[in-house]
Amino acid sequence: MVAGTKAVRKRLQLDLVLAASLLEAERRLRFEKFDLVVLDLRLPDSVDESMTLTRVASMGKFRMAVVSSSEHRDEAARACVAAGVDCLPNAIAKETLPFNRFIQRPEEFYDFLQSLMARPETQAA
């Protein structure tokens, strides 16, 4: 949230919406349009990680990226891709993200989010 706020202050083109629970995420996905959904599989009201993924993935047309500390994150991302969901094929370990650098250099946070949007055909070009 801090990195997103700083990115907006630097006038980087970014609208960041946070949801602290699965219920809130579903409510927002129902009423707002998103280009990218970054999903942590361990939301406080999420009992089952695969159900969380299924519920979120079924709520609209958007690019999804699994960024989580869950040990099941990679298989969750692969399952999404196999099911035809527009999902980044490799999950990202939340604990490896450079949050301090994102806060100090908001343009790097912006670049990180942009990299999540890249499709394989775009990366190959």
N, C-alpha and C. Protein backbone atom coordinates (compact mmCIF):
# COMPACT_ATOMS: atom_id res chain seq x y z
N MET A 1 0.82 -1.19 0.00
CA MET A 1 0.00 0.00 0.00
C MET A 1 0.87 1.26 0.00
N VAL A 2 1.93 1.25 0.80
CA VAL A 2 2.83 2.40 0.86
C VAL A 2 3.50 2.62 -0.49
N ALA A 3 3.96 1.54 -1.11
CA ALA A 3 4.61 1.66 -2.43
C ALA A 3 3.64 2.20 -3.47
N GLY A 4 2.40 1.72 -3.44
CA GLY A 4 1.40 2.21 -4.37
C GLY A 4 1.10 3.68 -4.18
N THR A 5 0.98 4.12 -2.95
CA THR A 5 0.73 5.53 -2.64
C THR A 5 1.88 6.39 -3.15
N LYS A 6 3.10 5.93 -2.93
CA LYS A 6 4.26 6.70 -3.40
C LYS A 6 4.31 6.74 -4.92
N ALA A 7 3.93 5.65 -5.57
CA ALA A 7 3.91 5.61 -7.03
C ALA A 7 2.92 6.63 -7.58
N VAL A 8 1.76 6.72 -6.95
CA VAL A 8 0.75 7.69 -7.39
C VAL A 8 1.26 9.12 -7.17
N ARG A 9 1.92 9.35 -6.04
CA ARG A 9 2.47 10.69 -5.78
C ARG A 9 3.52 11.07 -6.80
N LYS A 10 4.23 10.08 -7.34
CA LYS A 10 5.24 10.36 -8.37
C LYS A 10 4.60 10.49 -9.74
N ARG A 11 3.27 10.43 -9.74
CA ARG A 11 2.47 10.56 -10.95
C ARG A 11 2.67 9.40 -11.93
N LEU A 12 2.99 8.23 -11.39
CA LEU A 12 3.01 7.03 -12.21
C LEU A 12 1.56 6.60 -12.40
N GLN A 13 1.23 6.15 -13.57
CA GLN A 13 -0.16 5.83 -13.87
C GLN A 13 -0.53 4.50 -13.21
N LEU A 14 -1.14 4.59 -12.04
CA LEU A 14 -1.45 3.41 -11.26
C LEU A 14 -2.63 3.68 -10.34
N ASP A 15 -3.63 2.83 -10.43
CA ASP A 15 -4.74 2.83 -9.47
C ASP A 15 -4.63 1.52 -8.72
N LEU A 16 -4.39 1.60 -7.45
CA LEU A 16 -4.19 0.41 -6.62
C LEU A 16 -5.36 0.28 -5.66
N VAL A 17 -5.99 -0.89 -5.66
CA VAL A 17 -7.11 -1.16 -4.78
C VAL A 17 -6.73 -2.39 -3.95
N LEU A 18 -6.85 -2.28 -2.65
CA LEU A 18 -6.51 -3.39 -1.76
C LEU A 18 -7.76 -3.99 -1.16
N ALA A 19 -7.72 -5.28 -0.97
CA ALA A 19 -8.81 -5.97 -0.28
C ALA A 19 -8.17 -6.80 0.84
N ALA A 20 -8.63 -6.58 2.04
CA ALA A 20 -8.05 -7.24 3.20
C ALA A 20 -8.65 -8.62 3.48
N SER A 21 -9.69 -8.97 2.74
CA SER A 21 -10.34 -10.26 2.96
C SER A 21 -10.89 -10.78 1.63
N LEU A 22 -11.21 -12.05 1.59
CA LEU A 22 -11.80 -12.64 0.40
C LEU A 22 -13.17 -12.02 0.11
N LEU A 23 -13.94 -11.80 1.15
CA LEU A 23 -15.26 -11.19 0.99
C LEU A 23 -15.14 -9.80 0.35
N GLU A 24 -14.21 -9.01 0.84
CA GLU A 24 -14.00 -7.67 0.28
C GLU A 24 -13.51 -7.75 -1.16
N ALA A 25 -12.61 -8.69 -1.44
CA ALA A 25 -12.11 -8.86 -2.82
C ALA A 25 -13.26 -9.21 -3.76
N GLU A 26 -14.11 -10.12 -3.34
CA GLU A 26 -15.25 -10.51 -4.17
C GLU A 26 -16.19 -9.33 -4.40
N ARG A 27 -16.43 -8.55 -3.38
CA ARG A 27 -17.30 -7.38 -3.52
C ARG A 27 -16.71 -6.40 -4.53
N ARG A 28 -15.43 -6.13 -4.42
CA ARG A 28 -14.80 -5.20 -5.34
C ARG A 28 -14.78 -5.75 -6.77
N LEU A 29 -14.48 -7.03 -6.91
CA LEU A 29 -14.43 -7.63 -8.25
C LEU A 29 -15.81 -7.64 -8.90
N ARG A 30 -16.83 -7.71 -8.10
CA ARG A 30 -18.20 -7.70 -8.62
C ARG A 30 -18.58 -6.34 -9.18
N PHE A 31 -18.08 -5.26 -8.57
CA PHE A 31 -18.53 -3.92 -8.94
C PHE A 31 -17.50 -3.05 -9.66
N GLU A 32 -16.26 -3.49 -9.74
CA GLU A 32 -15.23 -2.69 -10.38
C GLU A 32 -14.52 -3.52 -11.45
N LYS A 33 -13.89 -2.84 -12.39
CA LYS A 33 -13.15 -3.52 -13.46
C LYS A 33 -11.65 -3.39 -13.17
N PHE A 34 -10.94 -4.50 -13.31
CA PHE A 34 -9.51 -4.52 -13.04
C PHE A 34 -8.75 -5.11 -14.21
N ASP A 35 -7.55 -4.62 -14.44
CA ASP A 35 -6.66 -5.20 -15.44
C ASP A 35 -5.83 -6.32 -14.84
N LEU A 36 -5.47 -6.16 -13.57
CA LEU A 36 -4.60 -7.12 -12.89
C LEU A 36 -5.11 -7.36 -11.47
N VAL A 37 -5.17 -8.63 -11.09
CA VAL A 37 -5.50 -8.99 -9.71
C VAL A 37 -4.30 -9.78 -9.18
N VAL A 38 -3.70 -9.25 -8.14
CA VAL A 38 -2.58 -9.91 -7.47
C VAL A 38 -3.18 -10.61 -6.25
N LEU A 39 -3.11 -11.93 -6.26
CA LEU A 39 -3.83 -12.70 -5.25
C LEU A 39 -2.88 -13.37 -4.26
N ASP A 40 -3.13 -13.10 -3.00
CA ASP A 40 -2.47 -13.83 -1.92
C ASP A 40 -3.44 -14.94 -1.52
N LEU A 41 -3.00 -16.17 -1.57
CA LEU A 41 -3.88 -17.30 -1.27
C LEU A 41 -4.26 -17.39 0.20
N ARG A 42 -3.59 -16.63 1.03
CA ARG A 42 -3.84 -16.71 2.48
C ARG A 42 -4.56 -15.47 3.00
N LEU A 43 -5.74 -15.25 2.50
CA LEU A 43 -6.57 -14.16 3.02
C LEU A 43 -7.19 -14.63 4.34
N PRO A 44 -7.44 -13.70 5.26
CA PRO A 44 -7.90 -14.09 6.60
C PRO A 44 -9.17 -14.96 6.62
N ASP A 45 -10.09 -14.71 5.71
CA ASP A 45 -11.34 -15.47 5.70
C ASP A 45 -11.34 -16.59 4.66
N SER A 46 -10.16 -16.93 4.17
CA SER A 46 -10.03 -18.00 3.20
C SER A 46 -9.63 -19.30 3.91
N VAL A 47 -10.52 -20.27 3.87
CA VAL A 47 -10.26 -21.53 4.55
C VAL A 47 -9.49 -22.47 3.62
N ASP A 48 -9.83 -22.43 2.35
CA ASP A 48 -9.25 -23.34 1.37
C ASP A 48 -8.62 -22.53 0.24
N GLU A 49 -7.33 -22.70 0.03
CA GLU A 49 -6.61 -21.90 -0.97
C GLU A 49 -7.13 -22.13 -2.39
N SER A 50 -7.45 -23.42 -2.74
CA SER A 50 -7.95 -23.65 -4.09
C SER A 50 -9.32 -23.03 -4.31
N MET A 51 -10.14 -23.02 -3.27
CA MET A 51 -11.45 -22.39 -3.38
C MET A 51 -11.29 -20.88 -3.54
N THR A 52 -10.35 -20.30 -2.81
CA THR A 52 -10.07 -18.86 -2.94
C THR A 52 -9.70 -18.54 -4.38
N LEU A 53 -8.81 -19.32 -4.92
CA LEU A 53 -8.37 -19.13 -6.30
C LEU A 53 -9.53 -19.27 -7.27
N THR A 54 -10.33 -20.30 -7.11
CA THR A 54 -11.47 -20.54 -8.00
C THR A 54 -12.48 -19.41 -7.91
N ARG A 55 -12.78 -18.98 -6.71
CA ARG A 55 -13.76 -17.90 -6.53
C ARG A 55 -13.28 -16.60 -7.18
N VAL A 56 -12.04 -16.26 -6.97
CA VAL A 56 -11.51 -15.01 -7.54
C VAL A 56 -11.41 -15.12 -9.06
N ALA A 57 -10.88 -16.23 -9.55
CA ALA A 57 -10.70 -16.39 -11.00
C ALA A 57 -12.01 -16.35 -11.77
N SER A 58 -13.10 -16.75 -11.13
CA SER A 58 -14.39 -16.81 -11.82
C SER A 58 -15.13 -15.47 -11.80
N MET A 59 -14.53 -14.44 -11.26
CA MET A 59 -15.26 -13.19 -11.08
C MET A 59 -15.03 -12.13 -12.15
N GLY A 60 -14.40 -12.48 -13.25
CA GLY A 60 -14.25 -11.49 -14.30
C GLY A 60 -13.10 -11.78 -15.23
N LYS A 61 -12.91 -10.87 -16.16
CA LYS A 61 -11.83 -10.97 -17.14
C LYS A 61 -10.72 -10.03 -16.71
N PHE A 62 -9.65 -10.58 -16.21
CA PHE A 62 -8.49 -9.81 -15.79
C PHE A 62 -7.29 -10.73 -15.79
N ARG A 63 -6.13 -10.15 -15.79
CA ARG A 63 -4.88 -10.90 -15.64
C ARG A 63 -4.71 -11.17 -14.16
N MET A 64 -4.31 -12.38 -13.80
CA MET A 64 -4.14 -12.71 -12.40
C MET A 64 -2.70 -13.15 -12.16
N ALA A 65 -2.20 -12.80 -11.00
CA ALA A 65 -0.88 -13.25 -10.57
C ALA A 65 -0.99 -13.71 -9.13
N VAL A 66 -0.44 -14.88 -8.86
CA VAL A 66 -0.43 -15.40 -7.50
C VAL A 66 0.87 -14.95 -6.85
N VAL A 67 0.73 -14.09 -5.85
CA VAL A 67 1.88 -13.59 -5.08
C VAL A 67 1.55 -13.92 -3.63
N SER A 68 2.17 -14.98 -3.13
CA SER A 68 1.72 -15.52 -1.85
C SER A 68 2.87 -16.17 -1.09
N SER A 69 2.67 -16.30 0.20
CA SER A 69 3.64 -17.03 1.03
C SER A 69 3.21 -18.49 1.18
N SER A 70 2.12 -18.86 0.55
CA SER A 70 1.64 -20.24 0.63
C SER A 70 2.62 -21.19 -0.06
N GLU A 71 2.82 -22.33 0.53
CA GLU A 71 3.70 -23.33 -0.09
C GLU A 71 3.05 -23.98 -1.31
N HIS A 72 1.76 -23.73 -1.53
CA HIS A 72 1.02 -24.29 -2.67
C HIS A 72 0.89 -23.29 -3.82
N ARG A 73 1.58 -22.17 -3.75
CA ARG A 73 1.39 -21.10 -4.73
C ARG A 73 1.71 -21.53 -6.16
N ASP A 74 2.79 -22.31 -6.35
CA ASP A 74 3.17 -22.70 -7.71
C ASP A 74 2.14 -23.63 -8.34
N GLU A 75 1.67 -24.62 -7.58
CA GLU A 75 0.67 -25.52 -8.14
C GLU A 75 -0.65 -24.79 -8.37
N ALA A 76 -0.95 -23.80 -7.56
CA ALA A 76 -2.17 -23.00 -7.76
C ALA A 76 -2.08 -22.22 -9.07
N ALA A 77 -0.95 -21.61 -9.33
CA ALA A 77 -0.77 -20.85 -10.58
C ALA A 77 -0.84 -21.79 -11.79
N ARG A 78 -0.22 -22.93 -11.70
CA ARG A 78 -0.26 -23.90 -12.81
C ARG A 78 -1.69 -24.39 -13.05
N ALA A 79 -2.43 -24.62 -11.97
CA ALA A 79 -3.83 -25.08 -12.10
C ALA A 79 -4.67 -24.01 -12.79
N CYS A 80 -4.42 -22.76 -12.48
CA CYS A 80 -5.14 -21.66 -13.13
C CYS A 80 -4.90 -21.66 -14.64
N VAL A 81 -3.64 -21.74 -15.00
CA VAL A 81 -3.28 -21.73 -16.42
C VAL A 81 -3.92 -22.93 -17.12
N ALA A 82 -3.85 -24.10 -16.49
CA ALA A 82 -4.43 -25.31 -17.07
C ALA A 82 -5.94 -25.18 -17.24
N ALA A 83 -6.58 -24.42 -16.37
CA ALA A 83 -8.04 -24.22 -16.44
C ALA A 83 -8.41 -23.11 -17.42
N GLY A 84 -7.42 -22.50 -18.07
CA GLY A 84 -7.70 -21.45 -19.05
C GLY A 84 -7.80 -20.06 -18.48
N VAL A 85 -7.41 -19.86 -17.23
CA VAL A 85 -7.43 -18.55 -16.61
C VAL A 85 -6.21 -17.76 -17.09
N ASP A 86 -6.40 -16.48 -17.34
CA ASP A 86 -5.29 -15.61 -17.74
C ASP A 86 -4.45 -15.32 -16.51
N CYS A 87 -3.56 -16.23 -16.20
CA CYS A 87 -2.77 -16.16 -14.98
C CYS A 87 -1.29 -16.27 -15.31
N LEU A 88 -0.50 -15.48 -14.61
CA LEU A 88 0.94 -15.60 -14.72
C LEU A 88 1.30 -17.05 -14.39
N PRO A 89 2.03 -17.76 -15.25
CA PRO A 89 2.25 -19.19 -15.04
C PRO A 89 3.12 -19.54 -13.83
N ASN A 90 3.95 -18.61 -13.41
CA ASN A 90 4.80 -18.86 -12.25
C ASN A 90 4.38 -17.96 -11.10
N ALA A 91 4.10 -18.58 -9.96
CA ALA A 91 3.74 -17.80 -8.77
C ALA A 91 4.98 -17.10 -8.23
N ILE A 92 4.75 -16.06 -7.46
CA ILE A 92 5.85 -15.28 -6.87
C ILE A 92 5.80 -15.44 -5.37
N ALA A 93 6.95 -15.77 -4.80
CA ALA A 93 7.04 -15.92 -3.35
C ALA A 93 6.99 -14.53 -2.71
N LYS A 94 5.98 -14.30 -1.94
CA LYS A 94 5.77 -12.99 -1.31
C LYS A 94 6.97 -12.59 -0.45
N GLU A 95 7.55 -13.57 0.22
CA GLU A 95 8.66 -13.27 1.13
C GLU A 95 9.95 -12.86 0.40
N THR A 96 10.00 -13.04 -0.92
CA THR A 96 11.20 -12.63 -1.67
C THR A 96 11.07 -11.25 -2.31
N LEU A 97 9.91 -10.64 -2.18
CA LEU A 97 9.72 -9.33 -2.81
C LEU A 97 10.47 -8.24 -2.04
N PRO A 98 11.08 -7.31 -2.76
CA PRO A 98 11.85 -6.23 -2.12
C PRO A 98 10.95 -5.06 -1.73
N PHE A 99 10.12 -5.23 -0.71
CA PHE A 99 9.15 -4.20 -0.34
C PHE A 99 9.82 -2.87 0.00
N ASN A 100 10.93 -2.88 0.69
CA ASN A 100 11.62 -1.62 1.02
C ASN A 100 12.06 -0.89 -0.23
N ARG A 101 12.57 -1.64 -1.20
CA ARG A 101 13.00 -1.00 -2.45
C ARG A 101 11.79 -0.44 -3.21
N PHE A 102 10.66 -1.16 -3.18
CA PHE A 102 9.44 -0.67 -3.83
C PHE A 102 9.00 0.65 -3.20
N ILE A 103 9.17 0.78 -1.89
CA ILE A 103 8.78 2.01 -1.21
C ILE A 103 9.75 3.14 -1.53
N GLN A 104 11.04 2.82 -1.56
CA GLN A 104 12.05 3.85 -1.83
C GLN A 104 12.09 4.25 -3.30
N ARG A 105 11.75 3.31 -4.18
CA ARG A 105 11.76 3.56 -5.62
C ARG A 105 10.44 3.11 -6.23
N PRO A 106 9.42 3.94 -6.13
CA PRO A 106 8.09 3.55 -6.61
C PRO A 106 8.06 3.12 -8.07
N GLU A 107 8.97 3.66 -8.88
CA GLU A 107 8.99 3.26 -10.29
C GLU A 107 9.35 1.77 -10.43
N GLU A 108 10.09 1.20 -9.48
CA GLU A 108 10.39 -0.23 -9.51
C GLU A 108 9.15 -1.05 -9.15
N PHE A 109 8.34 -0.53 -8.25
CA PHE A 109 7.07 -1.19 -7.92
C PHE A 109 6.17 -1.18 -9.15
N TYR A 110 6.10 -0.05 -9.81
CA TYR A 110 5.31 0.07 -11.03
C TYR A 110 5.82 -0.92 -12.09
N ASP A 111 7.12 -0.99 -12.28
CA ASP A 111 7.71 -1.92 -13.24
C ASP A 111 7.39 -3.37 -12.88
N PHE A 112 7.42 -3.67 -11.59
CA PHE A 112 7.06 -5.03 -11.13
C PHE A 112 5.62 -5.35 -11.53
N LEU A 113 4.70 -4.43 -11.28
CA LEU A 113 3.30 -4.67 -11.64
C LEU A 113 3.15 -4.82 -13.15
N GLN A 114 3.87 -4.00 -13.91
CA GLN A 114 3.83 -4.11 -15.37
C GLN A 114 4.35 -5.47 -15.84
N SER A 115 5.37 -5.99 -15.15
CA SER A 115 5.93 -7.29 -15.54
C SER A 115 4.91 -8.41 -15.31
N LEU A 116 4.02 -8.24 -14.35
CA LEU A 116 2.98 -9.23 -14.09
C LEU A 116 1.95 -9.23 -15.22
N MET A 117 1.80 -8.11 -15.89
CA MET A 117 0.83 -7.98 -16.97
C MET A 117 1.35 -8.57 -18.28
N ALA A 118 2.66 -8.73 -18.41
CA ALA A 118 3.24 -9.20 -19.67
C ALA A 118 2.79 -10.62 -19.97
N ARG A 119 2.40 -10.85 -21.21
CA ARG A 119 2.00 -12.18 -21.68
C ARG A 119 3.23 -12.86 -22.26
N PRO A 120 3.27 -14.20 -22.28
CA PRO A 120 4.42 -14.92 -22.85
C PRO A 120 4.75 -14.49 -24.27
N GLU A 121 3.72 -14.28 -25.11
CA GLU A 121 4.00 -13.87 -26.50
C GLU A 121 4.62 -12.49 -26.55
N THR A 122 4.30 -11.62 -25.57
CA THR A 122 4.89 -10.28 -25.50
C THR A 122 6.34 -10.37 -25.06
N GLN A 123 6.63 -11.26 -24.12
CA GLN A 123 7.99 -11.40 -23.60
C GLN A 123 8.92 -11.95 -24.67
N ALA A 124 8.40 -12.81 -25.55
CA ALA A 124 9.24 -13.42 -26.59
C ALA A 124 9.57 -12.43 -27.70
N ALA A 125 8.72 -11.43 -27.89
CA ALA A 125 8.90 -10.49 -29.00
C ALA A 125 10.08 -9.58 -28.80
